[in-house]
Each structure stands twice: as C-alpha cells, then as structure tokens.
Protein backbone atom coordinates (compact mmCIF):
# COMPACT_ATOMS: atom_id res chain seq x y z
CA MET A 1 -4.80 -0.49 -4.15
CA SER A 2 -3.18 -1.59 -1.22
CA SER A 3 -6.20 -3.86 0.52
CA THR A 4 -5.39 -7.72 -0.20
CA HIS A 5 -6.71 -10.29 -2.30
CA HIS A 6 -8.84 -9.38 -4.97
CA THR A 7 -11.90 -11.17 -5.78
CA HIS A 8 -12.63 -10.24 -9.27
CA ASP A 9 -10.60 -11.51 -12.70
CA ASN A 10 -10.14 -8.42 -14.92
CA THR A 11 -7.61 -8.71 -18.06
CA THR A 12 -9.45 -6.00 -20.23
CA PRO A 13 -6.84 -3.37 -20.95
CA GLN A 14 -6.91 0.19 -19.84
CA ASP A 15 -6.87 3.08 -21.15
CA PRO A 16 -3.61 4.78 -19.50
CA ASN A 17 -5.45 8.15 -19.90
CA GLU A 18 -8.11 7.30 -18.21
CA ASP A 19 -9.17 9.88 -15.44
CA PRO A 20 -7.75 8.08 -12.39
CA ALA A 21 -10.55 9.29 -9.91
CA THR A 22 -13.36 7.90 -12.38
CA PHE A 23 -11.14 4.48 -13.25
CA TRP A 24 -11.08 3.83 -9.60
CA GLU A 25 -14.37 4.95 -8.47
CA ASN A 26 -15.64 2.48 -11.35
CA ARG A 27 -13.49 -0.12 -9.81
CA TYR A 28 -14.65 -0.12 -6.28
CA SER A 29 -18.75 0.49 -7.13
CA GLY A 30 -19.52 -3.06 -7.89
CA PRO A 31 -21.95 -5.15 -6.02
CA VAL A 32 -19.20 -7.32 -3.82
CA PRO A 33 -16.12 -6.02 -2.70
CA SER A 34 -12.91 -6.03 -4.36
CA TRP A 35 -10.80 -7.74 -1.88
CA SER A 36 -10.98 -9.90 1.26
CA GLY A 37 -10.67 -7.54 3.52
CA ARG A 38 -7.60 -9.26 4.96
CA ALA A 39 -4.22 -7.43 5.89
CA ASN A 40 -1.18 -8.00 3.46
CA ALA A 41 1.16 -10.23 4.85
CA ALA A 42 3.97 -7.95 4.20
CA LEU A 43 2.34 -5.51 6.75
CA GLU A 44 1.98 -8.24 9.31
CA ARG A 45 5.10 -9.15 8.96
CA GLU A 46 6.97 -6.05 9.24
CA ALA A 47 4.46 -4.20 11.74
CA ALA A 48 4.84 -7.44 14.31
CA GLY A 49 6.28 -6.10 17.52
CA LEU A 50 6.01 -2.31 16.94
CA THR A 51 4.76 -0.17 19.45
CA PRO A 52 1.13 1.19 18.03
CA GLY A 53 1.25 4.70 17.68
CA THR A 54 0.21 7.01 14.27
CA ALA A 55 -0.45 4.90 10.77
CA LEU A 56 -0.60 6.38 7.36
CA ASP A 57 -2.10 3.91 5.02
CA LEU A 58 -1.53 5.04 1.12
CA GLY A 59 -4.03 3.70 -1.24
CA CYS A 60 -5.86 2.01 1.16
CA GLY A 61 -8.88 0.89 -0.77
CA GLU A 62 -11.35 -0.94 1.12
CA GLY A 63 -9.07 -0.76 4.68
CA GLY A 64 -7.79 -4.12 5.20
CA ASP A 65 -4.60 -2.99 6.32
CA ALA A 66 -5.96 0.14 7.98
CA ILE A 67 -8.74 -2.30 9.86
CA TRP A 68 -5.88 -4.53 11.17
CA LEU A 69 -3.57 -2.02 12.14
CA ALA A 70 -6.46 -0.04 14.30
CA ARG A 71 -7.05 -3.92 15.98
CA GLY A 72 -3.68 -3.78 16.83
CA GLY A 73 -3.80 -0.40 18.71
CA TRP A 74 -2.80 2.22 15.99
CA ARG A 75 -4.76 5.39 15.30
CA VAL A 76 -4.85 5.28 11.24
CA THR A 77 -5.22 7.61 8.52
CA GLY A 78 -6.30 5.77 5.42
CA VAL A 79 -6.03 7.70 2.00
CA ASP A 80 -7.72 6.56 -1.06
CA ILE A 81 -9.35 8.55 -4.31
CA SER A 82 -12.45 6.00 -4.55
CA ALA A 83 -15.35 7.24 -2.12
CA SER A 84 -16.88 4.08 -2.47
CA ALA A 85 -13.87 2.15 -1.37
CA LEU A 86 -13.59 4.18 1.77
CA ALA A 87 -17.37 4.08 2.66
CA LEU A 88 -17.09 0.08 2.62
CA GLY A 89 -13.60 0.73 4.87
CA GLU A 90 -15.64 3.04 7.14
CA ALA A 91 -18.45 0.71 7.67
CA THR A 92 -16.47 -2.48 7.98
CA ALA A 93 -14.28 -0.43 10.77
CA VAL A 94 -17.46 0.74 12.34
CA SER A 95 -18.74 -3.00 12.75
CA GLY A 96 -15.51 -4.14 13.82
CA GLY A 97 -15.46 -1.79 16.81
CA VAL A 98 -12.44 0.01 15.54
CA GLY A 99 -14.44 2.97 13.66
CA GLU A 100 -13.21 5.76 15.88
CA SER A 101 -9.58 4.62 15.30
CA ILE A 102 -9.44 5.27 11.89
CA ARG A 103 -9.47 8.79 9.75
CA TRP A 104 -10.77 8.23 6.12
CA LEU A 105 -10.09 10.62 3.33
CA GLN A 106 -10.91 10.84 0.13
CA ALA A 107 -7.79 12.25 -1.78
CA ASP A 108 -6.30 12.02 -5.14
CA LEU A 109 -2.18 11.07 -4.19
CA ALA A 110 -0.91 12.55 -6.98
CA VAL A 111 -1.17 15.85 -5.35
CA TRP A 112 -2.37 15.11 -1.87
CA GLN A 113 0.07 16.34 1.11
CA PRO A 114 0.42 14.58 4.06
CA ASP A 115 -0.92 16.49 7.11
CA ALA A 116 1.25 15.24 9.67
CA ASN A 117 4.41 13.16 10.62
CA TYR A 118 3.39 9.22 11.43
CA ASP A 119 4.87 6.48 13.12
CA LEU A 120 4.28 3.99 10.42
CA VAL A 121 3.64 5.12 6.38
CA THR A 122 2.52 2.30 4.66
CA ALA A 123 1.91 2.09 0.79
CA HIS A 124 0.86 -1.45 -0.78
CA PHE A 125 0.71 -2.52 -4.27
CA LEU A 126 0.65 1.08 -5.34
CA HIS A 127 0.79 0.22 -9.19
CA SER A 128 -1.60 1.36 -11.44
CA PRO A 129 -2.90 0.98 -15.38
CA VAL A 130 -4.04 4.67 -15.61
CA GLU A 131 -1.59 7.54 -14.60
CA LEU A 132 0.17 7.54 -11.27
CA PRO A 133 2.88 9.53 -10.12
CA ARG A 134 4.51 6.47 -8.03
CA GLU A 135 8.01 8.00 -7.17
CA VAL A 136 6.65 11.46 -6.43
CA ILE A 137 3.94 9.72 -3.99
CA LEU A 138 6.43 7.88 -2.51
CA ARG A 139 8.81 10.51 -1.68
CA ARG A 140 6.25 12.59 0.08
CA ALA A 141 5.36 9.36 1.92
CA ALA A 142 9.04 9.38 3.43
CA ASN A 143 9.06 12.68 4.12
CA ALA A 144 5.96 12.14 6.60
CA VAL A 145 7.41 9.91 8.58
CA ALA A 146 8.71 10.64 12.02
CA PRO A 147 11.65 10.62 13.88
CA GLY A 148 12.29 6.74 14.90
CA GLY A 149 9.04 5.74 12.54
CA LEU A 150 8.97 3.37 10.14
CA LEU A 151 8.61 3.52 6.01
CA LEU A 152 7.01 -0.13 4.59
CA VAL A 153 6.70 0.10 0.58
CA VAL A 154 5.51 -3.42 -0.74
CA GLY A 155 5.03 -3.89 -4.56
CA HIS A 156 4.67 -6.67 -7.05
CA ALA A 157 8.04 -7.85 -8.17
CA GLY A 158 7.14 -10.16 -10.86
CA VAL A 159 3.99 -11.34 -13.24
CA PRO A 160 1.92 -13.96 -12.82
CA PRO A 161 1.47 -16.78 -15.04
CA TRP A 162 -1.84 -16.32 -16.00
CA ALA A 163 -1.07 -12.29 -16.70
CA GLU A 164 1.12 -13.31 -19.44
CA GLN A 165 -1.39 -13.09 -21.99
CA ALA A 166 -3.18 -9.70 -20.30
CA HIS A 167 -1.74 -7.44 -23.10
CA GLY A 168 1.04 -6.09 -20.78
CA HIS A 169 -1.62 -5.27 -17.92
CA GLY A 170 -1.60 -6.82 -14.44
CA HIS A 171 -3.76 -9.49 -13.97
CA GLU A 172 -5.62 -9.99 -10.47
CA ASP A 173 -6.77 -13.49 -9.09
CA ALA A 174 -8.36 -14.17 -6.06
CA GLN A 175 -5.11 -13.62 -3.68
CA ASN A 176 -3.49 -11.46 -5.66
CA GLN A 177 -3.33 -7.57 -5.34
CA GLY A 178 -3.11 -4.59 -7.59
CA HIS A 179 -1.09 -4.64 -10.71
CA ASP A 180 2.33 -6.40 -11.71
CA GLN A 181 3.01 -3.78 -14.50
CA GLY A 182 3.02 -0.01 -15.14
CA HIS A 183 0.31 1.21 -17.43
CA ASP A 184 3.12 1.08 -20.24
CA GLY A 185 3.89 -2.56 -19.46
CA SER A 186 7.33 -1.78 -17.94
CA ALA A 187 8.59 -4.09 -15.08
CA MET A 188 7.85 -3.14 -11.57
CA PRO A 189 11.23 -1.85 -9.57
CA THR A 190 12.94 -3.89 -7.14
CA PRO A 191 13.48 -2.82 -3.69
CA GLU A 192 16.48 -1.56 -4.31
CA GLU A 193 15.24 0.40 -7.28
CA VAL A 194 12.49 1.86 -5.14
CA LEU A 195 15.17 2.86 -2.11
CA ALA A 196 17.29 4.68 -5.00
CA SER A 197 13.95 6.56 -6.35
CA LEU A 198 13.26 7.75 -2.67
CA ASN A 199 16.79 10.09 -2.96
CA LEU A 200 17.08 10.31 0.90
CA THR A 201 20.05 10.99 3.00
CA MET A 202 20.85 7.71 4.13
CA SER A 203 22.92 8.51 7.13
CA GLU A 204 19.19 9.42 8.58
CA TRP A 205 17.44 6.19 8.10
CA THR A 206 18.34 2.49 8.91
CA VAL A 207 17.17 -0.14 6.12
CA VAL A 208 14.99 -2.88 7.84
CA THR A 209 14.22 -5.16 4.74
CA CYS A 210 15.41 -4.57 1.48
CA ALA A 211 14.38 -7.95 -0.36
CA LEU A 212 12.11 -10.11 -2.88
CA VAL A 213 9.79 -11.99 -0.44
CA GLU A 214 7.66 -14.68 -2.08
CA ARG A 215 3.99 -15.09 -0.89
CA SER A 216 1.14 -17.64 -1.35
CA ALA A 217 -1.27 -16.73 -3.88
CA THR A 218 -4.27 -18.64 -5.43
CA MET A 219 -4.29 -19.24 -9.12
CA PRO A 220 -7.39 -19.02 -10.95
CA ASP A 221 -7.68 -23.06 -11.11
CA GLY A 222 -7.52 -22.67 -7.44
CA SER A 223 -3.91 -24.24 -6.72
CA GLN A 224 -1.38 -22.62 -4.99
CA ILE A 225 1.55 -20.64 -6.48
CA ALA A 226 4.60 -18.68 -4.74
CA LEU A 227 4.56 -14.86 -6.00
CA PRO A 228 7.51 -12.55 -5.14
CA ASP A 229 6.81 -9.15 -3.69
CA SER A 230 9.40 -6.51 -3.47
CA VAL A 231 9.79 -5.34 0.23
CA LEU A 232 11.33 -2.19 1.35
CA SER A 233 11.10 -1.14 4.56
CA LEU A 234 13.09 1.91 6.45
CA ARG A 235 13.59 3.27 9.97
CA ARG A 236 13.97 6.90 10.41
CA THR A 237 16.49 7.98 12.88
CA PRO A 238 14.68 9.00 16.10
CA ALA A 239 15.54 12.43 17.29
CA PRO A 240 18.23 12.98 19.77
CA ALA A 241 17.82 12.99 23.32
CA ALA A 242 17.31 16.54 25.01
CA VAL A 243 20.23 17.06 26.91
CA PRO A 244 19.25 18.44 30.36
CA ALA A 245 20.13 22.21 30.86
CA ALA A 246 23.07 22.59 33.29
CA ASP A 247 21.78 24.32 36.94
C-alpha cells in the first residue's frame, strides 16, 4: 500500500468482500515488483531534518519507505499483510546493506496492535478496494507515537483523470500509489477530515502539516501530471523534563 510508484495497470473492479489477505498476497506475488522501490515524496519531505530514532511503517508493502528510513539511520518496523511483499522488501534491504535495521512483520492491520512506541509512525496511501478499517488503524497509529514523535498520514486527495472510467475504483499508473477511492467509491478524506477522525486531545499534539500537496505523476501515455495528496503530520508533545529532587 505505502511503497511508492506502481508499475502495473489494473482497472479491473474488485469484490469489496474478498478476503484482504488473499487480495494483497495475489497483488504482490507476481513475477515483477509492484512498485519502484523509491520512497514516497511526502516522507522524504516531512522526515527531512528529523533526528533518526525508531520508526513504524504501516502497510509497508515492498519496503521503499522503510529502506529509505533505514538508510537515514532509523531503526524501522515495517508491517504488511502480504508475505510476498515483505520477502521482497527484506531481500532488497539486505542487498542494500540495511537488513539489520528493519524488522519485517506480517500482520493484518485490521487487528494488529503496535507493540511499542515509536519516534515516527507513517501510513502512506492506506486505501484499499477490499475491507480496511482505516480510521481504527490510524487511531492505533497515533497511540503508538512516542512523546516528541511524529505521526505522518498521507493519502490520495483526487482521482487521476484516467481513473474516472474505472468503475469507481482507484486506478494505478507507473508513478502513482494505492487507490484514489474507497471500495464503495467514496471520496478520500481531506487532511482536516483525517485529523478530526483521529479523535485526538489536541493539547497533546502540534500540527506540522495539514494540507493538500501536489506531486508529479506519470500518465499512462508517459506525460507528466500534478496530483494532489492529503498530507497530515502531527508532533506529539514531548514529555516534561524531570525536575531534580531537592537536596
């Protein structure tokens, strides 16, 4: 879901009742990678300048984001439902010299609970044509951010022009990620709507970015187009400094 730049063309509508594990395993078990392996642009932008620590990548797919973070000195946990996607990510990380910096976990995000707090928690393009409790997953993601840490949620904000005939389901091109609509054809939420759905106590958070941000994408004919992404990043209030005990 989150790894950037898809290389296949899939306009076939999906059955929203299909088993998610089966759908995503079939999606990633083809003979060639589904993604380019490059990190998402929003991650590179929002994480620039952060002090490396621990990171959690939800829906990590084939690991483009996780590997980029590991190369920057982060200790990463990547979680995805597809064993094939994780195997490719792990192999790429090992060949790139960052295998020991990434823990790969196969799990269904619909039920999986984070087992620690992290300095950075990311969820990129966590959209699906099959059942996915996105708001529940993102609330758990927020709870997993350590004091002083950053939550980054990126999603599609508009439907590419070539997807308008795809029967209400997202269409993916060579430079696009995920799905632009939910499995019921509903529009993707704005960053403000994502923020509201998290039900956060805002006195404990600072909004860093809450905006629609354009990125360059490649049309099926090879031409370039700007597509809007919904970008929300929030910093959790650091824990108060300990007060030295009086003598």
